[in-house]
C-alpha atoms as a PDB file:
ATOM      1  CA  MET A   1     -15.715 -13.419 -13.347  1.00  0.00           C
ATOM      2  CA  PRO A   2     -12.131 -14.681 -13.788  1.00  0.00           C
ATOM      3  CA  ARG A   3     -10.998 -15.385 -17.343  1.00  0.00           C
ATOM      4  CA  LEU A   4      -9.062 -18.628 -17.065  1.00  0.00           C
ATOM      5  CA  ALA A   5      -6.354 -19.863 -19.432  1.00  0.00           C
ATOM      6  CA  ALA A   6      -5.242 -23.492 -19.372  1.00  0.00           C
ATOM      7  CA  ASN A   7      -1.511 -24.039 -18.966  1.00  0.00           C
ATOM      8  CA  LEU A   8      -0.800 -26.817 -21.449  1.00  0.00           C
ATOM      9  CA  SER A   9       2.696 -27.526 -20.148  1.00  0.00           C
ATOM     10  CA  MET A  10       1.239 -28.753 -16.862  1.00  0.00           C
ATOM     11  CA  MET A  11      -2.393 -29.647 -17.442  1.00  0.00           C
ATOM     12  CA  TYR A  12      -3.486 -32.780 -19.370  1.00  0.00           C
ATOM     13  CA  PRO A  13      -0.174 -34.588 -18.727  1.00  0.00           C
ATOM     14  CA  ASP A  14      -1.678 -37.868 -19.948  1.00  0.00           C
ATOM     15  CA  LEU A  15      -1.946 -36.470 -23.495  1.00  0.00           C
ATOM     16  CA  PRO A  16       0.663 -35.586 -26.126  1.00  0.00           C
ATOM     17  CA  PHE A  17       1.248 -31.834 -26.061  1.00  0.00           C
ATOM     18  CA  LEU A  18      -0.473 -31.058 -29.355  1.00  0.00           C
ATOM     19  CA  ASP A  19      -3.599 -32.945 -28.262  1.00  0.00           C
ATOM     20  CA  ARG A  20      -3.954 -30.780 -25.160  1.00  0.00           C
ATOM     21  CA  PHE A  21      -5.380 -27.858 -27.145  1.00  0.00           C
ATOM     22  CA  GLU A  22      -8.503 -29.842 -28.037  1.00  0.00           C
ATOM     23  CA  ALA A  23      -8.831 -31.176 -24.496  1.00  0.00           C
ATOM     24  CA  ALA A  24      -8.710 -27.674 -23.037  1.00  0.00           C
ATOM     25  CA  ALA A  25     -11.307 -26.407 -25.486  1.00  0.00           C
ATOM     26  CA  LYS A  26     -13.630 -29.317 -24.677  1.00  0.00           C
ATOM     27  CA  ASP A  27     -13.367 -28.392 -21.001  1.00  0.00           C
ATOM     28  CA  GLY A  28     -14.540 -24.871 -21.781  1.00  0.00           C
ATOM     29  CA  PHE A  29     -11.270 -22.923 -21.856  1.00  0.00           C
ATOM     30  CA  LYS A  30     -11.104 -20.067 -24.358  1.00  0.00           C
ATOM     31  CA  ALA A  31      -7.402 -19.361 -23.900  1.00  0.00           C
ATOM     32  CA  VAL A  32      -4.152 -21.191 -23.282  1.00  0.00           C
ATOM     33  CA  GLU A  33      -0.604 -20.547 -22.127  1.00  0.00           C
ATOM     34  CA  TYR A  34       2.418 -22.806 -21.821  1.00  0.00           C
ATOM     35  CA  LEU A  35       6.112 -22.607 -21.067  1.00  0.00           C
ATOM     36  CA  PHE A  36       7.744 -22.838 -24.495  1.00  0.00           C
ATOM     37  CA  PRO A  37       6.594 -23.195 -28.115  1.00  0.00           C
ATOM     38  CA  TYR A  38      10.024 -23.674 -29.692  1.00  0.00           C
ATOM     39  CA  ALA A  39       9.948 -27.464 -30.124  1.00  0.00           C
ATOM     40  CA  PHE A  40       7.072 -27.094 -32.615  1.00  0.00           C
ATOM     41  CA  PRO A  41       6.632 -25.138 -35.851  1.00  0.00           C
ATOM     42  CA  ALA A  42       4.720 -21.937 -35.157  1.00  0.00           C
ATOM     43  CA  GLN A  43       2.300 -22.772 -37.975  1.00  0.00           C
ATOM     44  CA  GLU A  44       1.359 -26.061 -36.297  1.00  0.00           C
ATOM     45  CA  LEU A  45       0.614 -24.347 -33.011  1.00  0.00           C
ATOM     46  CA  ALA A  46      -1.374 -21.630 -34.750  1.00  0.00           C
ATOM     47  CA  ALA A  47      -3.443 -24.287 -36.521  1.00  0.00           C
ATOM     48  CA  ARG A  48      -4.247 -25.976 -33.195  1.00  0.00           C
ATOM     49  CA  LEU A  49      -5.344 -22.676 -31.714  1.00  0.00           C
ATOM     50  CA  GLN A  50      -7.558 -21.855 -34.667  1.00  0.00           C
ATOM     51  CA  ALA A  51      -9.082 -25.321 -34.925  1.00  0.00           C
ATOM     52  CA  ASN A  52     -10.138 -25.226 -31.292  1.00  0.00           C
ATOM     53  CA  GLY A  53     -11.223 -21.599 -31.036  1.00  0.00           C
ATOM     54  CA  LEU A  54      -8.453 -20.768 -28.559  1.00  0.00           C
ATOM     55  CA  GLN A  55      -6.471 -17.610 -27.882  1.00  0.00           C
ATOM     56  CA  GLN A  56      -2.786 -17.774 -26.996  1.00  0.00           C
ATOM     57  CA  VAL A  57      -2.303 -15.348 -24.094  1.00  0.00           C
ATOM     58  CA  LEU A  58       1.242 -16.042 -22.858  1.00  0.00           C
ATOM     59  CA  PHE A  59       4.402 -18.057 -23.340  1.00  0.00           C
ATOM     60  CA  ASN A  60       7.998 -17.750 -22.149  1.00  0.00           C
ATOM     61  CA  ALA A  61      10.996 -16.418 -23.962  1.00  0.00           C
ATOM     62  CA  PRO A  62      13.755 -19.052 -24.023  1.00  0.00           C
ATOM     63  CA  PRO A  63      15.398 -19.979 -20.707  1.00  0.00           C
ATOM     64  CA  GLY A  64      18.710 -19.989 -22.562  1.00  0.00           C
ATOM     65  CA  GLY A  65      19.986 -21.171 -25.908  1.00  0.00           C
ATOM     66  CA  THR A  66      19.501 -19.789 -29.383  1.00  0.00           C
ATOM     67  CA  ASP A  67      17.675 -22.512 -31.326  1.00  0.00           C
ATOM     68  CA  SER A  68      15.217 -25.323 -30.608  1.00  0.00           C
ATOM     69  CA  ALA A  69      17.840 -27.881 -29.585  1.00  0.00           C
ATOM     70  CA  SER A  70      19.889 -25.552 -27.380  1.00  0.00           C
ATOM     71  CA  ILE A  71      16.750 -24.074 -25.791  1.00  0.00           C
ATOM     72  CA  THR A  72      15.639 -27.557 -24.757  1.00  0.00           C
ATOM     73  CA  GLN A  73      19.121 -28.362 -23.523  1.00  0.00           C
ATOM     74  CA  ALA A  74      19.280 -25.127 -21.504  1.00  0.00           C
ATOM     75  CA  TRP A  75      15.998 -25.879 -19.746  1.00  0.00           C
ATOM     76  CA  GLU A  76      16.909 -29.485 -19.020  1.00  0.00           C
ATOM     77  CA  SER A  77      20.287 -28.414 -17.614  1.00  0.00           C
ATOM     78  CA  GLY A  78      18.635 -26.020 -15.164  1.00  0.00           C
ATOM     79  CA  SER A  79      18.846 -22.657 -16.911  1.00  0.00           C
ATOM     80  CA  ARG A  80      15.867 -20.520 -15.894  1.00  0.00           C
ATOM     81  CA  GLY A  81      16.425 -17.430 -17.975  1.00  0.00           C
ATOM     82  CA  THR A  82      19.178 -15.044 -19.015  1.00  0.00           C
ATOM     83  CA  ALA A  83      17.646 -11.583 -18.554  1.00  0.00           C
ATOM     84  CA  SER A  84      19.528 -10.812 -15.319  1.00  0.00           C
ATOM     85  CA  VAL A  85      22.739 -12.695 -16.071  1.00  0.00           C
ATOM     86  CA  PRO A  86      25.778 -10.528 -16.887  1.00  0.00           C
ATOM     87  CA  GLY A  87      27.647 -11.785 -19.932  1.00  0.00           C
ATOM     88  CA  ARG A  88      24.631 -13.463 -21.562  1.00  0.00           C
ATOM     89  CA  GLU A  89      23.101 -10.359 -23.095  1.00  0.00           C
ATOM     90  CA  ALA A  90      23.601 -11.524 -26.685  1.00  0.00           C
ATOM     91  CA  GLU A  91      21.961 -14.864 -25.881  1.00  0.00           C
ATOM     92  CA  PHE A  92      19.018 -13.035 -24.305  1.00  0.00           C
ATOM     93  CA  ARG A  93      18.549 -10.900 -27.395  1.00  0.00           C
ATOM     94  CA  VAL A  94      18.633 -13.814 -29.820  1.00  0.00           C
ATOM     95  CA  GLY A  95      16.149 -15.741 -27.689  1.00  0.00           C
ATOM     96  CA  PHE A  96      13.784 -12.814 -27.267  1.00  0.00           C
ATOM     97  CA  ALA A  97      13.849 -12.143 -30.994  1.00  0.00           C
ATOM     98  CA  GLN A  98      12.803 -15.739 -31.568  1.00  0.00           C
ATOM     99  CA  ALA A  99       9.978 -15.304 -29.057  1.00  0.00           C
ATOM    100  CA  LEU A 100       8.735 -12.300 -31.007  1.00  0.00           C
ATOM    101  CA  VAL A 101       8.581 -14.390 -34.181  1.00  0.00           C
ATOM    102  CA  TYR A 102       6.405 -16.960 -32.421  1.00  0.00           C
ATOM    103  CA  ALA A 103       4.267 -14.263 -30.806  1.00  0.00           C
ATOM    104  CA  GLU A 104       3.505 -12.847 -34.240  1.00  0.00           C
ATOM    105  CA  ALA A 105       2.533 -16.236 -35.648  1.00  0.00           C
ATOM    106  CA  LEU A 106       0.392 -17.092 -32.617  1.00  0.00           C
ATOM    107  CA  ASN A 107      -1.103 -13.609 -32.186  1.00  0.00           C
ATOM    108  CA  CYS A 108       0.092 -13.706 -28.575  1.00  0.00           C
ATOM    109  CA  PRO A 109       0.085 -10.334 -26.789  1.00  0.00           C
ATOM    110  CA  ARG A 110       2.492 -11.223 -23.939  1.00  0.00           C
ATOM    111  CA  ILE A 111       5.970 -12.697 -23.612  1.00  0.00           C
ATOM    112  CA  HIS A 112       7.447 -13.680 -20.261  1.00  0.00           C
ATOM    113  CA  ALA A 113      11.140 -12.733 -20.249  1.00  0.00           C
ATOM    114  CA  MET A 114      12.664 -15.190 -17.801  1.00  0.00           C
ATOM    115  CA  VAL A 115      14.859 -13.409 -15.253  1.00  0.00           C
ATOM    116  CA  GLY A 116      17.107 -16.348 -14.405  1.00  0.00           C
ATOM    117  CA  LEU A 117      19.284 -17.557 -11.569  1.00  0.00           C
ATOM    118  CA  ARG A 118      21.731 -15.088 -10.117  1.00  0.00           C
ATOM    119  CA  SER A 119      25.073 -16.018 -11.596  1.00  0.00           C
ATOM    120  CA  GLU A 120      27.883 -17.031  -9.284  1.00  0.00           C
ATOM    121  CA  GLY A 121      29.929 -14.031  -8.260  1.00  0.00           C
ATOM    122  CA  ALA A 122      27.395 -11.469  -9.493  1.00  0.00           C
ATOM    123  CA  SER A 123      25.976  -9.015  -6.982  1.00  0.00           C
ATOM    124  CA  ALA A 124      22.282  -8.293  -6.682  1.00  0.00           C
ATOM    125  CA  GLU A 125      23.008  -4.796  -7.981  1.00  0.00           C
ATOM    126  CA  ALA A 126      24.779  -6.149 -11.063  1.00  0.00           C
ATOM    127  CA  ALA A 127      21.927  -8.562 -11.745  1.00  0.00           C
ATOM    128  CA  ASP A 128      19.396  -5.739 -11.429  1.00  0.00           C
ATOM    129  CA  ALA A 129      21.391  -3.511 -13.764  1.00  0.00           C
ATOM    130  CA  THR A 130      21.649  -6.278 -16.370  1.00  0.00           C
ATOM    131  CA  LEU A 131      17.944  -7.041 -16.056  1.00  0.00           C
ATOM    132  CA  ILE A 132      16.921  -3.403 -16.496  1.00  0.00           C
ATOM    133  CA  SER A 133      19.205  -2.962 -19.498  1.00  0.00           C
ATOM    134  CA  ASN A 134      17.950  -6.123 -21.182  1.00  0.00           C
ATOM    135  CA  LEU A 135      14.319  -5.204 -20.547  1.00  0.00           C
ATOM    136  CA  GLN A 136      14.826  -1.725 -21.960  1.00  0.00           C
ATOM    137  CA  TRP A 137      16.160  -3.309 -25.151  1.00  0.00           C
ATOM    138  CA  ALA A 138      13.311  -5.860 -25.192  1.00  0.00           C
ATOM    139  CA  ALA A 139      10.761  -3.108 -24.623  1.00  0.00           C
ATOM    140  CA  ILE A 140      11.854  -1.338 -27.794  1.00  0.00           C
ATOM    141  CA  GLU A 141      11.647  -4.521 -29.855  1.00  0.00           C
ATOM    142  CA  ALA A 142       8.320  -5.583 -28.322  1.00  0.00           C
ATOM    143  CA  ALA A 143       6.799  -2.167 -28.921  1.00  0.00           C
ATOM    144  CA  LYS A 144       7.463  -2.516 -32.648  1.00  0.00           C
ATOM    145  CA  ALA A 145       5.367  -5.698 -32.590  1.00  0.00           C
ATOM    146  CA  GLY A 146       2.699  -4.509 -30.143  1.00  0.00           C
ATOM    147  CA  ARG A 147       3.624  -7.038 -27.415  1.00  0.00           C
ATOM    148  CA  ASP A 148       3.903  -6.754 -23.648  1.00  0.00           C
ATOM    149  CA  VAL A 149       7.011  -7.979 -21.826  1.00  0.00           C
ATOM    150  CA  LEU A 150       6.499  -9.629 -18.436  1.00  0.00           C
ATOM    151  CA  ILE A 151       8.809 -10.577 -15.573  1.00  0.00           C
ATOM    152  CA  GLU A 152       7.842 -13.011 -12.822  1.00  0.00           C
ATOM    153  CA  PRO A 153       8.928 -13.271  -9.190  1.00  0.00           C
ATOM    154  CA  ILE A 154       9.482 -16.971  -8.346  1.00  0.00           C
ATOM    155  CA  ASN A 155       9.751 -18.504  -4.894  1.00  0.00           C
ATOM    156  CA  THR A 156      13.100 -19.751  -3.647  1.00  0.00           C
ATOM    157  CA  ARG A 157      11.736 -23.146  -2.639  1.00  0.00           C
ATOM    158  CA  SER A 158      10.723 -24.110  -6.162  1.00  0.00           C
ATOM    159  CA  VAL A 159      13.704 -22.461  -7.875  1.00  0.00           C
ATOM    160  CA  PRO A 160      16.572 -21.830  -5.432  1.00  0.00           C
ATOM    161  CA  GLY A 161      18.802 -18.990  -6.526  1.00  0.00           C
ATOM    162  CA  PHE A 162      16.261 -17.251  -8.764  1.00  0.00           C
ATOM    163  CA  HIS A 163      17.090 -13.556  -8.819  1.00  0.00           C
ATOM    164  CA  LEU A 164      13.541 -12.178  -8.535  1.00  0.00           C
ATOM    165  CA  ASN A 165      11.397 -13.379  -5.608  1.00  0.00           C
ATOM    166  CA  ARG A 166       9.133 -10.559  -4.419  1.00  0.00           C
ATOM    167  CA  GLN A 167       6.416  -8.385  -5.918  1.00  0.00           C
ATOM    168  CA  ASP A 168       7.975  -5.134  -4.667  1.00  0.00           C
ATOM    169  CA  HIS A 169      11.307  -6.011  -6.302  1.00  0.00           C
ATOM    170  CA  ALA A 170       9.606  -6.809  -9.604  1.00  0.00           C
ATOM    171  CA  HIS A 171       7.675  -3.546  -9.552  1.00  0.00           C
ATOM    172  CA  ARG A 172      10.842  -1.570  -8.815  1.00  0.00           C
ATOM    173  CA  ILE A 173      12.464  -3.154 -11.860  1.00  0.00           C
ATOM    174  CA  VAL A 174       9.472  -2.404 -14.069  1.00  0.00           C
ATOM    175  CA  GLN A 175       9.402   1.206 -12.917  1.00  0.00           C
ATOM    176  CA  ALA A 176      13.139   1.532 -13.581  1.00  0.00           C
ATOM    177  CA  VAL A 177      12.671   0.219 -17.133  1.00  0.00           C
ATOM    178  CA  GLY A 178      10.164   2.986 -17.702  1.00  0.00           C
ATOM    179  CA  ALA A 179       8.011   1.402 -20.420  1.00  0.00           C
ATOM    180  CA  SER A 180       4.259   1.011 -19.940  1.00  0.00           C
ATOM    181  CA  HIS A 181       4.199  -2.345 -21.744  1.00  0.00           C
ATOM    182  CA  VAL A 182       6.783  -3.946 -19.430  1.00  0.00           C
ATOM    183  CA  LYS A 183       4.799  -5.490 -16.590  1.00  0.00           C
ATOM    184  CA  VAL A 184       4.762  -8.023 -13.771  1.00  0.00           C
ATOM    185  CA  GLN A 185       3.472 -11.565 -14.104  1.00  0.00           C
ATOM    186  CA  MET A 186       1.824 -12.050 -10.697  1.00  0.00           C
ATOM    187  CA  ASP A 187       1.905 -15.753  -9.888  1.00  0.00           C
ATOM    188  CA  LEU A 188      -0.113 -16.220  -6.707  1.00  0.00           C
ATOM    189  CA  PHE A 189       1.479 -19.614  -5.972  1.00  0.00           C
ATOM    190  CA  HIS A 190       4.908 -18.030  -5.706  1.00  0.00           C
ATOM    191  CA  CYS A 191       3.540 -14.946  -3.955  1.00  0.00           C
ATOM    192  CA  GLN A 192       1.778 -16.984  -1.269  1.00  0.00           C
ATOM    193  CA  ILE A 193       4.937 -18.968  -0.484  1.00  0.00           C
ATOM    194  CA  VAL A 194       7.237 -15.935  -0.289  1.00  0.00           C
ATOM    195  CA  GLU A 195       4.954 -13.205   1.008  1.00  0.00           C
ATOM    196  CA  GLY A 196       1.382 -14.315   1.662  1.00  0.00           C
ATOM    197  CA  ASP A 197      -1.212 -11.569   2.195  1.00  0.00           C
ATOM    198  CA  LEU A 198      -2.584 -12.202  -1.294  1.00  0.00           C
ATOM    199  CA  SER A 199      -5.692 -10.038  -1.029  1.00  0.00           C
ATOM    200  CA  ALA A 200      -3.702  -7.003   0.034  1.00  0.00           C
ATOM    201  CA  LYS A 201      -1.045  -7.599  -2.623  1.00  0.00           C
ATOM    202  CA  ILE A 202      -3.687  -7.803  -5.359  1.00  0.00           C
ATOM    203  CA  ALA A 203      -5.388  -4.634  -4.111  1.00  0.00           C
ATOM    204  CA  GLN A 204      -2.017  -2.877  -3.919  1.00  0.00           C
ATOM    205  CA  TYR A 205      -0.545  -3.781  -7.283  1.00  0.00           C
ATOM    206  CA  LEU A 206      -3.378  -4.413  -9.748  1.00  0.00           C
ATOM    207  CA  PRO A 207      -4.523  -0.754  -9.848  1.00  0.00           C
ATOM    208  CA  THR A 208      -0.981   0.391 -10.749  1.00  0.00           C
ATOM    209  CA  GLY A 209      -1.398  -0.848 -14.311  1.00  0.00           C
ATOM    210  CA  ARG A 210       1.840  -2.806 -13.948  1.00  0.00           C
ATOM    211  CA  VAL A 211       0.287  -6.273 -13.542  1.00  0.00           C
ATOM    212  CA  GLY A 212       0.005  -7.913 -16.938  1.00  0.00           C
ATOM    213  CA  HIS A 213      -1.094 -11.430 -16.048  1.00  0.00           C
ATOM    214  CA  PHE A 214      -2.003 -13.677 -13.123  1.00  0.00           C
ATOM    215  CA  GLN A 215      -1.128 -17.317 -12.600  1.00  0.00           C
ATOM    216  CA  ILE A 216      -2.501 -19.643  -9.963  1.00  0.00           C
ATOM    217  CA  ALA A 217      -1.755 -22.976  -8.319  1.00  0.00           C
ATOM    218  CA  GLU A 218      -2.640 -24.330  -4.910  1.00  0.00           C
ATOM    219  CA  VAL A 219      -0.145 -24.134  -2.067  1.00  0.00           C
ATOM    220  CA  PRO A 220       1.786 -26.125  -0.972  1.00  0.00           C
ATOM    221  CA  HIS A 221       1.761 -28.863  -3.634  1.00  0.00           C
ATOM    222  CA  ARG A 222       1.051 -26.867  -6.821  1.00  0.00           C
ATOM    223  CA  HIS A 223      -2.136 -28.754  -7.615  1.00  0.00           C
ATOM    224  CA  GLU A 224      -5.520 -27.344  -8.626  1.00  0.00           C
ATOM    225  CA  PRO A 225      -7.327 -24.837  -6.402  1.00  0.00           C
ATOM    226  CA  GLY A 226      -9.195 -26.465  -3.531  1.00  0.00           C
ATOM    227  CA  THR A 227      -6.471 -28.960  -2.639  1.00  0.00           C
ATOM    228  CA  GLY A 228      -4.555 -26.815  -0.159  1.00  0.00           C
ATOM    229  CA  GLU A 229      -4.492 -23.696   1.969  1.00  0.00           C
ATOM    230  CA  VAL A 230      -5.741 -20.786  -0.172  1.00  0.00           C
ATOM    231  CA  ASN A 231      -9.353 -19.537  -0.159  1.00  0.00           C
ATOM    232  CA  TRP A 232      -9.629 -19.232  -3.929  1.00  0.00           C
ATOM    233  CA  MET A 233     -13.262 -18.137  -4.018  1.00  0.00           C
ATOM    234  CA  HIS A 234     -12.268 -15.135  -1.930  1.00  0.00           C
ATOM    235  CA  ILE A 235      -9.185 -14.456  -4.068  1.00  0.00           C
ATOM    236  CA  PHE A 236     -11.226 -14.525  -7.280  1.00  0.00           C
ATOM    237  CA  GLN A 237     -13.752 -12.158  -5.702  1.00  0.00           C
ATOM    238  CA  VAL A 238     -10.930  -9.768  -4.821  1.00  0.00           C
ATOM    239  CA  ILE A 239      -9.535  -9.913  -8.358  1.00  0.00           C
ATOM    240  CA  ASP A 240     -13.015  -9.292  -9.782  1.00  0.00           C
ATOM    241  CA  LYS A 241     -13.688  -6.357  -7.467  1.00  0.00           C
ATOM    242  CA  VAL A 242     -10.354  -4.649  -8.042  1.00  0.00           C
ATOM    243  CA  SER A 243     -10.503  -5.350 -11.781  1.00  0.00           C
ATOM    244  CA  VAL A 244     -13.842  -3.582 -12.066  1.00  0.00           C
ATOM    245  CA  GLU A 245     -12.524  -0.639 -10.083  1.00  0.00           C
ATOM    246  CA  CYS A 246      -9.342  -0.215 -12.132  1.00  0.00           C
ATOM    247  CA  GLY A 247     -10.385  -1.562 -15.541  1.00  0.00           C
ATOM    248  CA  TRP A 248      -8.070  -4.577 -15.651  1.00  0.00           C
ATOM    249  CA  ASP A 249      -9.213  -7.178 -18.195  1.00  0.00           C
ATOM    250  CA  GLY A 250      -6.421  -9.747 -18.312  1.00  0.00           C
ATOM    251  CA  TRP A 251      -6.216 -13.508 -17.893  1.00  0.00           C
ATOM    252  CA  ILE A 252      -5.510 -15.940 -15.060  1.00  0.00           C
ATOM    253  CA  GLY A 253      -3.267 -18.799 -16.123  1.00  0.00           C
ATOM    254  CA  CYS A 254      -3.908 -22.171 -14.474  1.00  0.00           C
ATOM    255  CA  GLU A 255      -0.262 -23.142 -14.036  1.00  0.00           C
ATOM    256  CA  TYR A 256      -0.693 -26.222 -11.878  1.00  0.00           C
ATOM    257  CA  ASN A 257       0.024 -29.933 -11.917  1.00  0.00           C
ATOM    258  CA  PRO A 258      -3.255 -31.834 -11.611  1.00  0.00           C
ATOM    259  CA  ALA A 259      -3.415 -33.914  -8.445  1.00  0.00           C
ATOM    260  CA  ASP A 260      -4.734 -36.759 -10.612  1.00  0.00           C
ATOM    261  CA  ALA A 261      -2.319 -37.187 -13.525  1.00  0.00           C
ATOM    262  CA  SER A 262      -4.086 -40.247 -14.928  1.00  0.00           C
ATOM    263  CA  ALA A 263      -6.169 -40.262 -18.090  1.00  0.00           C
ATOM    264  CA  GLY A 264      -8.961 -37.692 -17.730  1.00  0.00           C
ATOM    265  CA  GLY A 265      -7.677 -36.525 -14.356  1.00  0.00           C
ATOM    266  CA  THR A 266      -7.256 -32.896 -15.358  1.00  0.00           C
ATOM    267  CA  SER A 267     -10.867 -32.667 -16.511  1.00  0.00           C
ATOM    268  CA  ARG A 268     -12.195 -34.414 -13.419  1.00  0.00           C
ATOM    269  CA  GLY A 269     -10.224 -32.009 -11.271  1.00  0.00           C
ATOM    270  CA  LEU A 270     -11.843 -28.915 -12.784  1.00  0.00           C
ATOM    271  CA  THR A 271     -14.786 -28.902 -10.357  1.00  0.00           C
ATOM    272  CA  TRP A 272     -13.385 -25.703  -8.843  1.00  0.00           C
ATOM    273  CA  ALA A 273     -13.491 -23.946 -12.242  1.00  0.00           C
ATOM    274  CA  ARG A 274     -16.858 -25.026 -13.628  1.00  0.00           C
ATOM    275  CA  GLY A 275     -18.567 -21.808 -12.647  1.00  0.00           C
ATOM    276  CA  TYR A 276     -15.947 -19.774 -14.497  1.00  0.00           C
ATOM    277  CA  LEU A 277     -15.650 -21.739 -17.770  1.00  0.00           C
END
C-alpha cells in the first residue's frame, strides 16, 4: 500500500503554511514534504512535526541564494537550482550546507539538490560535468550526516530550459557520481509528460536501488489523482508489486495543486487517497 506524504507547499493553500501540518495530520497523513523550509526557524518546523506526529521525508536545497532573503529572491526571480550551473559552485555548496542543517533539525533523510536551468552559453556536456562534480561534493557532506541526495527530472513544459528532463539522463548522472546515497526523485507527473510509459519506467528503475522517492500529480493540470489521464490505481499497484519484489520502502509525495483551492478543498479532494491513509 502506498505511503503518502502531503506536500505542504501545494496542498491546503487556503491555510497559512504553519497550519498545514495539523491539517495534513487530521486527514491521516503520517509524513510531509515541501519545497523549502528556509523562511522559518528549523525549531518551529520541528515543533510542528512533533506536535502532529508527522515525519519530514523530503525538502529542497535552495534554488539559489545563500540566506533566507536571497533564497526567496532567487526562487521568485526564476532560479530553479544551481547544481548544474558552471560558475555557481560556491553558491551551491553554501546552500546545500544550509539544507543539511535543516535536515538535521527536522530528522529528514532526503534532500533534493535542484539541478537548475541550463545557463546561457553552457553546453549540455559542461552542465553534466558541473552537476556530477557538485553531487560528488554533496555526497561526501551528506554521507557525514546520513542523508540521501536526490535529483529530479522536470518536464520542459512546466520549467522550460531545465537541464534534466528524462529518467535515463538522471540515472546516468547518478551512476557517474558513484555514491549509493545519491538517487533519483521520480516525479510521475513530469515523467508522464516527457516520456509516458509509467508502468514500464517504474518496473525498470525501481529495482536498481537508485530511486529514492516518488512524487505524483495528475496530468495535464497538476491536480489530485483522478482528475485527468493517468490510471492511478494501476500505477499504485505497480509500485506496490515492484516494491515488494525489490524491497523498496520509500514515500510517495503528493505534489499537486488541489483542483478546489477554497477552504477545505484539499480535504474534500482526498477521496482518491482514503484507502491509503
